[in-house]
Structures are given as C-alpha cells and as structure tokens.
C-alpha atoms as a PDB file:
ATOM      1  CA  UNK A   1       5.293 -11.354  21.910  1.00  0.00           C
ATOM      2  CA  UNK A   2       7.068 -11.268  18.872  1.00  0.00           C
ATOM      3  CA  UNK A   3       5.577  -9.828  15.553  1.00  0.00           C
ATOM      4  CA  UNK A   4       6.394 -10.661  12.229  1.00  0.00           C
ATOM      5  CA  UNK A   5       6.778  -6.735  11.448  1.00  0.00           C
ATOM      6  CA  UNK A   6       7.040  -3.534  13.701  1.00  0.00           C
ATOM      7  CA  UNK A   7       7.310  -0.335  12.114  1.00  0.00           C
ATOM      8  CA  UNK A   8       8.420   2.413  14.886  1.00  0.00           C
ATOM      9  CA  UNK A   9       8.087   5.833  15.410  1.00  0.00           C
ATOM     10  CA  UNK A  10       6.650   7.083  12.446  1.00  0.00           C
ATOM     11  CA  UNK A  11       3.750   9.626  11.729  1.00  0.00           C
ATOM     12  CA  UNK A  12       0.745   7.491  11.441  1.00  0.00           C
ATOM     13  CA  UNK A  13      -1.869   8.548   8.831  1.00  0.00           C
ATOM     14  CA  UNK A  14      -5.152   6.275   9.369  1.00  0.00           C
ATOM     15  CA  UNK A  15      -7.064   7.754   6.230  1.00  0.00           C
ATOM     16  CA  UNK A  16      -9.803   9.167   7.948  1.00  0.00           C
ATOM     17  CA  UNK A  17      -8.641  13.028   7.982  1.00  0.00           C
ATOM     18  CA  UNK A  18      -7.525  12.922  11.381  1.00  0.00           C
ATOM     19  CA  UNK A  19      -3.881  14.744  11.850  1.00  0.00           C
ATOM     20  CA  UNK A  20      -1.180  11.917  12.013  1.00  0.00           C
ATOM     21  CA  UNK A  21       0.194  10.826  15.392  1.00  0.00           C
ATOM     22  CA  UNK A  22       3.425   9.463  15.731  1.00  0.00           C
ATOM     23  CA  UNK A  23       3.313   6.176  17.062  1.00  0.00           C
ATOM     24  CA  UNK A  24       3.993   2.154  16.167  1.00  0.00           C
ATOM     25  CA  UNK A  25       2.273  -0.249  13.839  1.00  0.00           C
ATOM     26  CA  UNK A  26       2.437  -4.341  14.137  1.00  0.00           C
ATOM     27  CA  UNK A  27       1.777  -6.149  11.484  1.00  0.00           C
ATOM     28  CA  UNK A  28       1.230 -10.218  11.779  1.00  0.00           C
ATOM     29  CA  UNK A  29       0.809 -12.189   8.134  1.00  0.00           C
ATOM     30  CA  UNK A  30      -0.972 -10.039   6.451  1.00  0.00           C
ATOM     31  CA  UNK A  31      -2.957  -8.035   9.160  1.00  0.00           C
ATOM     32  CA  UNK A  32      -2.414  -5.121  11.057  1.00  0.00           C
ATOM     33  CA  UNK A  33      -2.574  -6.263  14.754  1.00  0.00           C
ATOM     34  CA  UNK A  34      -1.294  -3.096  16.918  1.00  0.00           C
ATOM     35  CA  UNK A  35      -1.442   0.296  16.414  1.00  0.00           C
ATOM     36  CA  UNK A  36       0.137   3.253  18.872  1.00  0.00           C
ATOM     37  CA  UNK A  37       2.954   1.916  21.405  1.00  0.00           C
ATOM     38  CA  UNK A  38       3.410  -1.623  20.155  1.00  0.00           C
ATOM     39  CA  UNK A  39       5.365  -3.658  22.898  1.00  0.00           C
ATOM     40  CA  UNK A  40       7.281  -6.600  22.225  1.00  0.00           C
ATOM     41  CA  UNK A  41       9.636  -6.842  19.246  1.00  0.00           C
ATOM     42  CA  UNK A  42       9.252  -7.520  15.686  1.00  0.00           C
ATOM     43  CA  UNK A  43      11.148 -10.676  13.459  1.00  0.00           C
ATOM     44  CA  UNK A  44      11.717  -7.661  11.471  1.00  0.00           C
ATOM     45  CA  UNK A  45      11.822  -3.820  12.403  1.00  0.00           C
ATOM     46  CA  UNK A  46      11.601  -0.696  10.713  1.00  0.00           C
ATOM     47  CA  UNK A  47      12.757   2.806  12.396  1.00  0.00           C
ATOM     48  CA  UNK A  48       9.882   4.867  10.465  1.00  0.00           C
ATOM     49  CA  UNK A  49      11.400   8.232  12.680  1.00  0.00           C
ATOM     50  CA  UNK A  50      10.599  11.421  10.487  1.00  0.00           C
ATOM     51  CA  UNK A  51       8.532   9.145   7.875  1.00  0.00           C
ATOM     52  CA  UNK A  52       4.747   8.891   7.059  1.00  0.00           C
ATOM     53  CA  UNK A  53       3.103   5.651   7.543  1.00  0.00           C
ATOM     54  CA  UNK A  54       0.233   5.511   5.741  1.00  0.00           C
ATOM     55  CA  UNK A  55      -2.568   2.921   4.330  1.00  0.00           C
ATOM     56  CA  UNK A  56      -2.347   1.727   0.524  1.00  0.00           C
ATOM     57  CA  UNK A  57      -4.024   4.406  -1.890  1.00  0.00           C
ATOM     58  CA  UNK A  58      -6.596   3.942  -3.958  1.00  0.00           C
ATOM     59  CA  UNK A  59      -6.077   5.608  -7.640  1.00  0.00           C
ATOM     60  CA  UNK A  60      -9.923   6.026  -9.095  1.00  0.00           C
ATOM     61  CA  UNK A  61      -8.985   7.749 -12.231  1.00  0.00           C
ATOM     62  CA  UNK A  62      -6.019   6.314 -14.111  1.00  0.00           C
ATOM     63  CA  UNK A  63      -4.836   5.568 -17.814  1.00  0.00           C
ATOM     64  CA  UNK A  64      -3.417   2.149 -16.898  1.00  0.00           C
ATOM     65  CA  UNK A  65      -5.401   0.595 -19.286  1.00  0.00           C
ATOM     66  CA  UNK A  66      -2.490  -0.470 -21.619  1.00  0.00           C
ATOM     67  CA  UNK A  67       0.289  -0.784 -19.157  1.00  0.00           C
ATOM     68  CA  UNK A  68      -1.485  -3.450 -16.963  1.00  0.00           C
ATOM     69  CA  UNK A  69      -0.879  -5.491 -20.393  1.00  0.00           C
ATOM     70  CA  UNK A  70       2.995  -5.233 -20.293  1.00  0.00           C
ATOM     71  CA  UNK A  71       3.070  -4.459 -16.503  1.00  0.00           C
ATOM     72  CA  UNK A  72       0.717  -6.280 -14.185  1.00  0.00           C
ATOM     73  CA  UNK A  73       2.305  -5.297 -11.128  1.00  0.00           C
ATOM     74  CA  UNK A  74       1.868  -1.279 -12.334  1.00  0.00           C
ATOM     75  CA  UNK A  75       5.250  -0.266 -11.636  1.00  0.00           C
ATOM     76  CA  UNK A  76       6.123   2.585 -10.743  1.00  0.00           C
ATOM     77  CA  UNK A  77       2.593   3.229  -9.593  1.00  0.00           C
ATOM     78  CA  UNK A  78       2.560   0.301  -6.816  1.00  0.00           C
ATOM     79  CA  UNK A  79       6.059   1.859  -6.026  1.00  0.00           C
ATOM     80  CA  UNK A  80       4.468   5.390  -5.104  1.00  0.00           C
ATOM     81  CA  UNK A  81       1.809   3.705  -2.409  1.00  0.00           C
ATOM     82  CA  UNK A  82      -0.927   2.713  -4.760  1.00  0.00           C
ATOM     83  CA  UNK A  83      -2.533  -0.887  -3.761  1.00  0.00           C
ATOM     84  CA  UNK A  84      -5.641  -0.445  -5.860  1.00  0.00           C
ATOM     85  CA  UNK A  85      -6.158   1.113  -9.407  1.00  0.00           C
ATOM     86  CA  UNK A  86      -9.615   1.473 -11.056  1.00  0.00           C
ATOM     87  CA  UNK A  87      -9.002   0.682 -14.860  1.00  0.00           C
ATOM     88  CA  UNK A  88     -11.516   0.785 -17.688  1.00  0.00           C
ATOM     89  CA  UNK A  89     -13.479   3.780 -16.557  1.00  0.00           C
ATOM     90  CA  UNK A  90     -12.671   5.941 -19.546  1.00  0.00           C
ATOM     91  CA  UNK A  91     -14.217   4.135 -22.379  1.00  0.00           C
ATOM     92  CA  UNK A  92     -10.945   3.212 -23.867  1.00  0.00           C
ATOM     93  CA  UNK A  93     -10.051  -0.492 -24.844  1.00  0.00           C
ATOM     94  CA  UNK A  94      -6.641  -1.907 -26.291  1.00  0.00           C
ATOM     95  CA  UNK A  95      -6.819  -4.838 -28.434  1.00  0.00           C
ATOM     96  CA  UNK A  96      -6.194  -7.149 -29.571  1.00  0.00           C
ATOM     97  CA  UNK A  97      -4.959  -8.783 -26.266  1.00  0.00           C
ATOM     98  CA  UNK A  98      -2.651 -11.652 -26.073  1.00  0.00           C
ATOM     99  CA  UNK A  99      -4.678 -14.820 -26.605  1.00  0.00           C
ATOM    100  CA  UNK A 100      -3.652 -16.225 -22.943  1.00  0.00           C
ATOM    101  CA  UNK A 101      -5.204 -12.985 -21.453  1.00  0.00           C
ATOM    102  CA  UNK A 102      -8.879 -13.615 -23.413  1.00  0.00           C
END
C-alpha cells in the first residue's frame, strides 16, 4: 500500500509522557494511519533518523493578540511546531481592527 507520506526512523513522541520510541509514521490525507514499523512506501518519504517526530504543540499562554492582525499564520510560532494557540486570555485587546476583520 502506498501512503501519502511516510516519516521513517524517527524518535516518536506521542504526547502521553511515555519515552520516545524509534519508528515510522504514515499519513494519508490529513490523518495518521499507521505508527510503528510501516510497511509499504510513501508517495513522499522523510528520513527522520536522529530527529524527534512530535504531535503539534498547544500554546495556552501567548501574547499573540496583536500579531494575528498582521500575521494570520503566526510565524515563526507555527514554524516551531505550535498548531494551536490560545489568545485573548490576558485581558488585552487591540482596537481598532481593520473594517474587513470586524
């Protein structure tokens, strides 16, 4: 079976607090479909030997309230693995906002 993407030989971190374990990870569409020793090839393959493979990080304390106005991708935060960020929890607001963002 050909997967869309196979990441091979990385140290897999599952987010549970368990020790990382060496293995492969297959992705089809937008879902992880296999973890461990993945048989078959990937349309794209990444050699992750010597690297950590982690789930996306959630940052629950940010100061991105202003940045999201000019940088909706929240770079470089997203470059560092953050896939979810909580904003607006410090009681700060930035106004006025652009008319098309109201």
